[in-house]
N, C-alpha and C. Protein backbone atom coordinates (compact mmCIF):
# COMPACT_ATOMS: atom_id res chain seq x y z
N MET A 1 -14.76 2.57 9.13
CA MET A 1 -13.52 3.20 7.94
C MET A 1 -13.56 3.98 6.57
N SER A 2 -12.91 5.01 6.70
CA SER A 2 -12.68 5.59 5.65
C SER A 2 -13.02 5.46 3.99
N GLU A 3 -13.42 6.57 3.76
CA GLU A 3 -13.77 6.77 1.82
C GLU A 3 -12.53 6.38 1.34
N THR A 4 -11.47 5.29 0.31
CA THR A 4 -10.64 5.63 -0.23
C THR A 4 -11.40 4.70 -1.50
N ASN A 5 -9.93 5.13 -2.62
CA ASN A 5 -9.92 4.31 -3.66
C ASN A 5 -9.36 2.82 -2.74
N ASP A 6 -10.26 1.39 -2.87
CA ASP A 6 -10.60 0.07 -3.22
C ASP A 6 -8.43 -0.27 -3.37
N ILE A 7 -7.75 0.21 -4.91
CA ILE A 7 -7.24 -0.37 -5.42
C ILE A 7 -5.56 0.47 -4.89
N LEU A 8 -4.47 -0.69 -4.58
CA LEU A 8 -3.65 0.56 -3.81
C LEU A 8 -2.60 0.09 -5.54
N HIS A 9 -1.57 1.29 -5.37
CA HIS A 9 -1.31 1.14 -6.78
C HIS A 9 0.88 0.76 -6.02
N ILE A 10 1.33 -0.43 -6.45
CA ILE A 10 3.03 0.31 -5.86
C ILE A 10 3.56 0.22 -7.22
N ASP A 11 4.49 0.97 -7.58
CA ASP A 11 5.12 0.94 -7.76
C ASP A 11 6.73 0.69 -8.26
N VAL A 12 7.23 -0.32 -8.56
CA VAL A 12 9.24 -0.29 -8.19
C VAL A 12 9.43 0.48 -9.57
N GLY A 13 10.94 1.45 -9.10
CA GLY A 13 11.93 1.27 -10.66
C GLY A 13 10.52 1.67 -11.29
N THR A 14 9.86 2.83 -11.27
CA THR A 14 9.30 3.97 -12.05
C THR A 14 9.85 5.01 -12.44
N ASP A 15 10.27 6.14 -13.24
CA ASP A 15 10.98 7.37 -12.67
C ASP A 15 9.55 8.44 -12.62
N LEU A 16 10.90 8.88 -12.47
CA LEU A 16 9.56 10.12 -12.27
C LEU A 16 9.15 10.64 -13.17
N GLY A 17 9.99 10.91 -14.79
CA GLY A 17 8.84 11.12 -15.43
C GLY A 17 7.35 11.03 -15.38
N SER A 18 6.85 9.49 -15.34
CA SER A 18 5.64 8.77 -15.44
C SER A 18 5.10 9.47 -14.09
N THR A 19 5.60 9.66 -12.62
CA THR A 19 5.13 9.78 -12.01
C THR A 19 4.34 11.86 -12.20
N LEU A 20 5.35 12.64 -12.60
CA LEU A 20 5.03 13.74 -13.19
C LEU A 20 3.94 13.58 -14.47
N GLN A 21 4.40 13.22 -15.21
CA GLN A 21 2.96 12.64 -16.26
C GLN A 21 1.58 12.72 -15.95
N ARG A 22 1.29 11.61 -14.64
CA ARG A 22 0.02 11.76 -13.59
C ARG A 22 -0.35 12.69 -13.17
N ALA A 23 0.94 13.31 -12.42
CA ALA A 23 0.47 14.60 -11.96
C ALA A 23 -0.38 15.88 -13.52
N ARG A 24 0.30 15.52 -14.05
CA ARG A 24 0.10 16.81 -15.59
C ARG A 24 -1.45 16.54 -15.80
N ASP A 25 -1.62 14.83 -16.10
CA ASP A 25 -2.57 14.42 -16.62
C ASP A 25 -3.88 14.69 -15.37
N THR A 26 -3.69 14.73 -14.23
CA THR A 26 -4.99 14.54 -12.89
C THR A 26 -5.18 16.23 -13.12
N LEU A 27 -4.06 17.34 -12.54
CA LEU A 27 -4.07 18.69 -13.48
C LEU A 27 -5.02 19.50 -14.54
N ARG A 28 -5.22 18.77 -15.80
CA ARG A 28 -5.91 18.74 -16.50
C ARG A 28 -7.55 19.13 -16.35
N THR A 29 -7.53 18.25 -15.76
CA THR A 29 -8.28 17.13 -15.35
C THR A 29 -9.26 18.05 -14.87
N LEU A 30 -8.65 18.22 -13.63
CA LEU A 30 -9.35 19.20 -12.81
C LEU A 30 -9.38 20.40 -13.86
N GLU A 31 -8.58 21.08 -14.36
CA GLU A 31 -8.75 22.42 -14.90
C GLU A 31 -10.04 22.04 -15.93
N ARG A 32 -10.02 21.34 -16.30
CA ARG A 32 -11.84 21.36 -16.87
C ARG A 32 -12.65 21.13 -16.64
N GLY A 33 -13.09 20.39 -15.55
CA GLY A 33 -13.97 21.32 -14.08
C GLY A 33 -14.12 19.41 -13.78
N GLU A 34 -13.47 18.35 -13.98
CA GLU A 34 -13.07 17.18 -14.03
C GLU A 34 -12.99 16.49 -13.08
N SER A 35 -13.38 14.97 -12.85
CA SER A 35 -12.91 14.52 -10.69
C SER A 35 -12.66 13.93 -11.84
N PRO A 36 -11.09 13.96 -11.48
CA PRO A 36 -10.23 12.51 -11.62
C PRO A 36 -10.32 11.21 -10.82
N ALA A 37 -10.16 10.05 -11.89
CA ALA A 37 -10.54 9.15 -10.78
C ALA A 37 -9.25 8.92 -10.08
N PRO A 38 -9.53 8.46 -8.75
CA PRO A 38 -9.06 8.46 -7.57
C PRO A 38 -7.69 7.20 -7.97
N HIS A 39 -6.88 7.53 -7.28
CA HIS A 39 -5.74 6.76 -7.56
C HIS A 39 -4.76 7.40 -6.25
N PHE A 40 -4.12 5.72 -5.42
CA PHE A 40 -3.21 5.91 -4.41
C PHE A 40 -2.06 4.71 -4.68
N GLY A 41 -1.23 5.66 -5.07
CA GLY A 41 -0.43 5.03 -5.01
C GLY A 41 1.08 5.22 -4.12
N ILE A 42 2.13 4.09 -4.29
CA ILE A 42 3.74 4.17 -3.66
C ILE A 42 4.67 3.86 -4.45
N GLY A 43 5.18 4.82 -4.35
CA GLY A 43 7.20 4.40 -5.32
C GLY A 43 8.31 4.26 -4.39
N PHE A 44 8.66 3.24 -4.87
CA PHE A 44 9.90 2.53 -4.93
C PHE A 44 11.09 2.76 -6.13
N GLU A 45 12.58 3.55 -5.06
CA GLU A 45 13.25 2.95 -6.22
C GLU A 45 13.63 1.63 -6.89
N ASP A 46 13.97 0.88 -5.93
CA ASP A 46 14.36 -0.79 -6.31
C ASP A 46 13.33 -1.24 -5.25
N ILE A 47 13.37 -2.93 -6.44
CA ILE A 47 13.04 -4.29 -5.61
C ILE A 47 13.47 -3.96 -4.12
N GLY A 48 14.42 -3.36 -3.40
CA GLY A 48 14.98 -3.90 -2.88
C GLY A 48 14.55 -3.57 -1.08
N GLN A 49 13.80 -2.21 -0.81
CA GLN A 49 13.21 -0.74 -0.49
C GLN A 49 11.97 -1.13 -0.74
N MET A 50 11.86 -1.69 -1.78
CA MET A 50 10.05 -2.42 -1.78
C MET A 50 9.75 -3.39 -0.88
N LEU A 51 10.63 -4.83 -1.02
CA LEU A 51 11.05 -5.42 -0.04
C LEU A 51 11.49 -5.40 1.83
N ALA A 52 11.91 -4.38 1.59
CA ALA A 52 12.03 -3.64 3.12
C ALA A 52 10.87 -3.72 3.88
N VAL A 53 10.26 -3.67 2.82
CA VAL A 53 8.12 -2.74 3.70
C VAL A 53 6.98 -3.74 3.58
N PHE A 54 7.38 -4.26 2.76
CA PHE A 54 6.72 -5.04 2.59
C PHE A 54 6.88 -6.84 2.47
N THR A 55 7.66 -7.34 3.62
CA THR A 55 7.74 -8.64 3.81
C THR A 55 7.11 -9.38 3.29
N PRO A 56 7.40 -11.10 4.13
CA PRO A 56 6.37 -11.68 3.31
C PRO A 56 5.75 -11.78 4.68
N ARG A 57 5.91 -11.62 5.62
CA ARG A 57 4.65 -12.01 7.01
C ARG A 57 4.18 -10.68 6.63
N ARG A 58 4.18 -9.48 6.46
CA ARG A 58 3.47 -8.30 6.23
C ARG A 58 2.60 -8.56 5.17
N TRP A 59 2.42 -9.42 4.43
CA TRP A 59 1.78 -10.45 3.29
C TRP A 59 0.58 -10.00 3.36
N ASP A 60 1.37 -11.14 4.21
CA ASP A 60 0.66 -12.38 5.23
C ASP A 60 -0.60 -11.75 6.44
N LEU A 61 -0.49 -10.60 6.91
CA LEU A 61 -1.15 -10.52 7.88
C LEU A 61 -1.93 -8.96 7.14
N LEU A 62 -1.47 -8.56 5.89
CA LEU A 62 -2.45 -7.98 5.08
C LEU A 62 -3.52 -8.72 4.08
N ALA A 63 -2.96 -9.90 3.69
CA ALA A 63 -4.30 -11.00 3.67
C ALA A 63 -5.42 -11.64 4.98
N HIS A 64 -4.59 -11.67 5.88
CA HIS A 64 -5.61 -12.28 6.67
C HIS A 64 -6.40 -10.93 7.66
N LEU A 65 -6.51 -9.83 7.52
CA LEU A 65 -7.40 -8.76 7.17
C LEU A 65 -8.19 -8.56 6.28
N ARG A 66 -7.78 -8.38 5.34
CA ARG A 66 -8.32 -8.78 4.18
C ARG A 66 -9.06 -9.83 4.22
N ALA A 67 -9.47 -11.09 4.76
CA ALA A 67 -9.89 -12.05 4.26
C ALA A 67 -11.18 -12.00 5.44
N HIS A 68 -10.33 -11.32 6.75
CA HIS A 68 -11.21 -11.72 8.03
C HIS A 68 -11.55 -10.12 8.67
N GLY A 69 -11.68 -8.94 8.49
CA GLY A 69 -11.59 -8.09 8.26
C GLY A 69 -11.17 -7.33 10.16
N PRO A 70 -11.41 -6.05 9.97
CA PRO A 70 -11.16 -5.00 11.20
C PRO A 70 -10.92 -6.23 12.31
N MET A 71 -9.77 -6.40 13.51
CA MET A 71 -9.52 -6.95 14.28
C MET A 71 -8.64 -6.08 15.48
N THR A 72 -7.80 -6.47 16.03
CA THR A 72 -7.32 -5.39 17.38
C THR A 72 -5.71 -5.83 17.14
N VAL A 73 -5.07 -5.20 16.89
CA VAL A 73 -3.05 -6.27 17.62
C VAL A 73 -3.15 -7.52 17.90
N ALA A 74 -4.00 -7.51 19.46
CA ALA A 74 -3.53 -9.03 20.00
C ALA A 74 -4.55 -10.40 18.95
N GLU A 75 -6.28 -9.52 18.54
CA GLU A 75 -6.04 -10.14 17.57
C GLU A 75 -5.67 -11.19 16.56
N LEU A 76 -5.06 -10.62 16.12
CA LEU A 76 -4.16 -10.29 14.40
C LEU A 76 -3.26 -11.04 14.86
N ALA A 77 -2.30 -10.97 15.52
CA ALA A 77 -1.14 -11.90 16.16
C ALA A 77 -1.63 -13.06 16.86
N ARG A 78 -2.60 -13.22 17.41
CA ARG A 78 -2.94 -14.64 17.84
C ARG A 78 -3.53 -15.68 16.27
N ALA A 79 -4.35 -15.04 15.57
CA ALA A 79 -4.86 -15.65 14.68
C ALA A 79 -3.23 -15.44 13.82
N LEU A 80 -2.08 -15.54 13.57
CA LEU A 80 -1.44 -15.47 12.32
C LEU A 80 -0.19 -16.17 13.38
N GLY A 81 -0.51 -16.96 14.62
CA GLY A 81 0.43 -17.21 15.39
C GLY A 81 1.64 -16.78 15.86
N ARG A 82 1.38 -15.75 15.79
CA ARG A 82 2.98 -15.19 15.78
C ARG A 82 3.12 -13.73 17.31
N ASP A 83 4.82 -13.42 17.16
CA ASP A 83 4.29 -12.73 19.20
C ASP A 83 3.27 -11.37 18.26
N TYR A 84 2.96 -10.56 20.27
CA TYR A 84 2.61 -9.26 19.61
C TYR A 84 3.26 -8.55 19.76
N LYS A 85 4.04 -8.07 19.97
CA LYS A 85 5.45 -6.79 19.89
C LYS A 85 6.07 -7.06 18.51
N ASN A 86 5.80 -7.79 17.27
CA ASN A 86 6.51 -7.76 16.51
C ASN A 86 5.01 -7.55 15.09
N VAL A 87 4.13 -8.39 15.93
CA VAL A 87 2.83 -8.36 14.50
C VAL A 87 2.27 -6.56 14.65
N HIS A 88 2.72 -5.80 16.22
CA HIS A 88 2.97 -4.13 16.72
C HIS A 88 3.41 -3.29 16.12
N ASN A 89 4.47 -3.80 15.78
CA ASN A 89 5.89 -3.43 14.91
C ASN A 89 5.64 -3.53 13.44
N ASP A 90 4.89 -4.30 12.55
CA ASP A 90 4.53 -4.54 11.23
C ASP A 90 3.42 -3.80 11.13
N VAL A 91 2.88 -3.44 12.02
CA VAL A 91 1.23 -3.16 12.26
C VAL A 91 1.92 -1.32 12.02
N GLU A 92 2.81 -0.96 12.97
CA GLU A 92 3.51 0.83 12.42
C GLU A 92 3.44 0.89 11.34
N ARG A 93 5.05 0.09 11.19
CA ARG A 93 4.92 0.24 10.03
C ARG A 93 3.96 0.78 8.41
N LEU A 94 3.20 -1.05 8.51
CA LEU A 94 2.14 -0.01 6.77
C LEU A 94 1.34 0.70 7.53
N MET A 95 1.15 0.80 9.16
CA MET A 95 0.66 2.28 8.58
C MET A 95 0.84 3.36 8.64
N GLU A 96 2.53 3.17 8.62
CA GLU A 96 3.03 5.26 7.75
C GLU A 96 2.80 5.14 6.42
N TRP A 97 3.10 3.48 6.27
CA TRP A 97 2.93 3.83 4.46
C TRP A 97 1.66 4.07 4.03
N LEU A 98 0.30 4.05 4.60
CA LEU A 98 -0.93 3.79 4.72
C LEU A 98 -1.63 2.86 4.16
N VAL A 99 -1.00 1.62 4.74
CA VAL A 99 -1.79 0.47 4.24
C VAL A 99 -2.60 -0.06 4.84
N VAL A 100 -2.40 -0.01 5.50
CA VAL A 100 -3.72 -0.64 7.17
C VAL A 100 -3.84 1.13 7.87
N GLU A 101 -5.63 1.13 8.36
CA GLU A 101 -5.86 2.22 9.20
C GLU A 101 -6.30 1.26 10.37
N LYS A 102 -6.97 2.22 11.67
CA LYS A 102 -7.39 1.97 12.11
C LYS A 102 -8.90 2.78 11.93
N ASP A 103 -9.91 1.83 12.96
CA ASP A 103 -11.40 2.22 12.66
C ASP A 103 -11.55 2.58 13.50
N ASP A 104 -12.79 3.12 13.97
CA ASP A 104 -13.02 3.91 14.94
C ASP A 104 -13.04 3.22 16.70
N GLN A 105 -13.44 1.68 16.55
CA GLN A 105 -12.80 1.55 17.48
C GLN A 105 -11.88 0.81 17.94
N GLY A 106 -10.62 1.25 17.35
CA GLY A 106 -9.20 1.06 17.30
C GLY A 106 -9.08 -0.37 16.83
N ARG A 107 -9.81 -0.88 15.95
CA ARG A 107 -9.04 -2.31 15.48
C ARG A 107 -8.28 -1.97 13.96
N ILE A 108 -7.65 -2.99 13.65
CA ILE A 108 -6.27 -2.50 12.55
C ILE A 108 -7.43 -2.80 11.08
N TYR A 109 -7.49 -2.72 10.32
CA TYR A 109 -7.96 -3.04 9.04
C TYR A 109 -7.17 -2.68 7.36
N THR A 110 -7.45 -3.35 6.65
CA THR A 110 -7.11 -2.62 5.13
C THR A 110 -7.69 -2.17 4.33
N PRO A 111 -8.06 -0.91 3.67
CA PRO A 111 -8.99 -0.36 2.96
C PRO A 111 -8.92 -0.75 1.76
N TYR A 112 -8.21 -1.79 1.28
CA TYR A 112 -7.72 -1.71 -0.43
C TYR A 112 -7.78 -3.45 -0.14
N ARG A 113 -8.74 -3.77 -1.45
CA ARG A 113 -9.36 -5.22 -1.78
C ARG A 113 -8.55 -5.87 -2.88
N GLU A 114 -7.54 -4.70 -3.65
CA GLU A 114 -6.13 -5.49 -4.54
C GLU A 114 -5.39 -4.21 -4.37
N ILE A 115 -4.42 -5.10 -4.29
CA ILE A 115 -2.85 -3.94 -4.48
C ILE A 115 -1.83 -4.80 -6.09
N LEU A 116 -2.49 -3.62 -6.60
CA LEU A 116 -1.01 -3.37 -7.61
C LEU A 116 0.44 -3.81 -7.54
N LEU A 117 0.67 -4.27 -8.20
CA LEU A 117 2.37 -3.99 -7.92
C LEU A 117 2.95 -4.05 -9.70
N ASP A 118 3.68 -3.22 -9.88
CA ASP A 118 4.52 -2.98 -11.40
C ASP A 118 6.23 -2.45 -11.10
N VAL A 119 6.53 -3.75 -11.93
CA VAL A 119 7.92 -3.55 -11.07
C VAL A 119 8.63 -3.52 -12.34
N HIS A 120 9.44 -3.03 -13.05
CA HIS A 120 9.82 -2.14 -13.74
C HIS A 120 11.85 -2.36 -13.87
N LEU A 121 11.78 -3.25 -14.89
CA LEU A 121 13.52 -3.33 -14.21
C LEU A 121 14.14 -1.83 -14.81
N PRO A 122 15.15 -2.56 -14.56
CA PRO A 122 16.88 -1.30 -15.10
C PRO A 122 16.44 -1.25 -17.20
N GLU A 123 17.22 0.18 -16.67
CA GLU A 123 17.33 0.75 -18.11
C GLU A 123 18.65 -0.14 -18.40
N THR A 124 18.66 -0.93 -20.04
CA THR A 124 20.00 -1.42 -20.41
C THR A 124 21.06 -0.59 -21.01
N ASP A 125 22.35 -0.43 -20.61
CA ASP A 125 23.43 -0.08 -22.05
C ASP A 125 23.24 0.10 -22.93
N ALA A 126 23.31 -2.11 -23.04
CA ALA A 126 23.42 -2.60 -24.45
C ALA A 126 22.49 -2.17 -25.22
N ALA A 127 23.23 -2.30 -26.17
CA ALA A 127 22.09 -2.05 -27.55
C ALA A 127 21.70 -2.90 -28.12
């Protein structure tokens, strides 16, 4: 399994300024010769985009992998009582977002022990 930060941060509706500030802070830390705290995050413009990737079935898939450890897609499909092809598609999609990975034996796992979801509501024009 890869060495990685064990917390995935999912930000929904975060403005670009916040992301740029985090990057500036990281660069300043590096310029001081220090190691920045590891951070792995995914950002979405709105909740609809996030829910298109993190569907309820994919959340179930992630929870099962976290609880039971690495397994093949076939084992995962059987454990979840789902069609192999659909689970395979879900795994592929989550791999695109780096939420699940394959180990040296080709088994699927999630490297995260925790997923933090931060949803920002849109700004209002009302005073």
